[in-house]
Amino acid sequence: MPKLKTRKAASKRFRATGTGKIVRRKASKNHLLEHKTSDKKRKLSKMAVVDERDAENVRLMLPYL
């Protein structure tokens, strides 16, 4: 069976936890940070688990995850 290609853009954005869940970064932490509170910026820094409805598509993009 041939090797499967990994979507490089997806490999930079997602990774797997020890239990096999897929995690991602949260949006809105790149610019316009002056008016956001420290609390909001701190919460945006944490990783988020990918929704189960999207996880199937991410797994197809990352066959060796």
C-alpha atoms as a PDB file:
ATOM      1  CA  MET A   1       0.000   0.000   0.000  1.00  0.00           C
ATOM      2  CA  PRO A   2       1.410   3.436  -0.866  1.00  0.00           C
ATOM      3  CA  LYS A   3       2.331   5.994   1.724  1.00  0.00           C
ATOM      4  CA  LEU A   4      -0.310   8.615   2.507  1.00  0.00           C
ATOM      5  CA  LYS A   5       0.363  12.326   2.230  1.00  0.00           C
ATOM      6  CA  THR A   6      -0.014  14.604   5.228  1.00  0.00           C
ATOM      7  CA  ARG A   7      -1.583  18.024   4.731  1.00  0.00           C
ATOM      8  CA  LYS A   8       1.266  20.238   5.912  1.00  0.00           C
ATOM      9  CA  ALA A   9      -1.010  23.150   6.828  1.00  0.00           C
ATOM     10  CA  ALA A  10      -3.019  20.873   9.101  1.00  0.00           C
ATOM     11  CA  SER A  11       0.091  19.366  10.688  1.00  0.00           C
ATOM     12  CA  LYS A  12       1.148  22.846  11.803  1.00  0.00           C
ATOM     13  CA  ARG A  13      -2.237  23.607  13.366  1.00  0.00           C
ATOM     14  CA  PHE A  14      -3.296  20.388  15.101  1.00  0.00           C
ATOM     15  CA  ARG A  15      -1.718  17.817  17.383  1.00  0.00           C
ATOM     16  CA  ALA A  16      -2.948  14.817  19.335  1.00  0.00           C
ATOM     17  CA  THR A  17      -3.194  14.428  23.078  1.00  0.00           C
ATOM     18  CA  GLY A  18      -2.147  11.284  24.894  1.00  0.00           C
ATOM     19  CA  THR A  19      -5.705   9.975  24.812  1.00  0.00           C
ATOM     20  CA  GLY A  20      -6.003  10.547  21.055  1.00  0.00           C
ATOM     21  CA  LYS A  21      -8.068  13.727  21.037  1.00  0.00           C
ATOM     22  CA  ILE A  22      -7.079  16.482  18.604  1.00  0.00           C
ATOM     23  CA  VAL A  23      -6.260  19.918  19.977  1.00  0.00           C
ATOM     24  CA  ARG A  24      -5.961  23.308  18.323  1.00  0.00           C
ATOM     25  CA  ARG A  25      -5.104  26.899  19.194  1.00  0.00           C
ATOM     26  CA  LYS A  26      -7.884  29.375  19.849  1.00  0.00           C
ATOM     27  CA  ALA A  27      -8.511  32.231  17.447  1.00  0.00           C
ATOM     28  CA  SER A  28      -8.281  35.997  18.125  1.00  0.00           C
ATOM     29  CA  LYS A  29      -4.876  36.135  19.822  1.00  0.00           C
ATOM     30  CA  ASN A  30      -2.883  37.587  16.916  1.00  0.00           C
ATOM     31  CA  HIS A  31      -3.744  41.268  16.698  1.00  0.00           C
ATOM     32  CA  LEU A  32      -5.881  44.036  18.231  1.00  0.00           C
ATOM     33  CA  LEU A  33      -4.702  42.932  21.670  1.00  0.00           C
ATOM     34  CA  GLU A  34      -4.717  46.390  23.277  1.00  0.00           C
ATOM     35  CA  HIS A  35      -8.435  46.476  23.959  1.00  0.00           C
ATOM     36  CA  LYS A  36      -8.726  42.843  25.070  1.00  0.00           C
ATOM     37  CA  THR A  37      -8.534  42.212  28.787  1.00  0.00           C
ATOM     38  CA  SER A  38      -5.713  40.197  30.318  1.00  0.00           C
ATOM     39  CA  ASP A  39      -8.295  37.632  31.361  1.00  0.00           C
ATOM     40  CA  LYS A  40      -9.518  37.161  27.803  1.00  0.00           C
ATOM     41  CA  LYS A  41      -5.980  36.949  26.397  1.00  0.00           C
ATOM     42  CA  ARG A  42      -5.024  34.360  28.995  1.00  0.00           C
ATOM     43  CA  LYS A  43      -8.064  32.230  28.149  1.00  0.00           C
ATOM     44  CA  LEU A  44      -7.271  32.487  24.436  1.00  0.00           C
ATOM     45  CA  SER A  45      -3.746  31.179  25.098  1.00  0.00           C
ATOM     46  CA  LYS A  46      -5.004  27.744  26.143  1.00  0.00           C
ATOM     47  CA  MET A  47      -5.474  24.873  23.752  1.00  0.00           C
ATOM     48  CA  ALA A  48      -8.972  23.742  22.768  1.00  0.00           C
ATOM     49  CA  VAL A  49     -10.179  20.293  21.807  1.00  0.00           C
ATOM     50  CA  VAL A  50     -11.413  20.026  18.215  1.00  0.00           C
ATOM     51  CA  ASP A  51     -15.158  19.390  18.009  1.00  0.00           C
ATOM     52  CA  GLU A  52     -16.040  15.772  17.333  1.00  0.00           C
ATOM     53  CA  ARG A  53     -17.862  16.772  14.124  1.00  0.00           C
ATOM     54  CA  ASP A  54     -14.660  18.295  12.759  1.00  0.00           C
ATOM     55  CA  ALA A  55     -12.270  15.677  14.129  1.00  0.00           C
ATOM     56  CA  GLU A  56     -13.054  13.214  11.334  1.00  0.00           C
ATOM     57  CA  ASN A  57     -11.938  15.694   8.659  1.00  0.00           C
ATOM     58  CA  VAL A  58      -8.782  16.537  10.571  1.00  0.00           C
ATOM     59  CA  ARG A  59      -7.908  12.838  10.882  1.00  0.00           C
ATOM     60  CA  LEU A  60      -8.235  12.456   7.106  1.00  0.00           C
ATOM     61  CA  MET A  61      -5.757  15.323   6.653  1.00  0.00           C
ATOM     62  CA  LEU A  62      -3.337  13.793   9.183  1.00  0.00           C
ATOM     63  CA  PRO A  63      -3.220  10.044   8.534  1.00  0.00           C
ATOM     64  CA  TYR A  64      -0.250   9.445  10.871  1.00  0.00           C
ATOM     65  CA  LEU A  65      -1.501  11.517  13.818  1.00  0.00           C
END
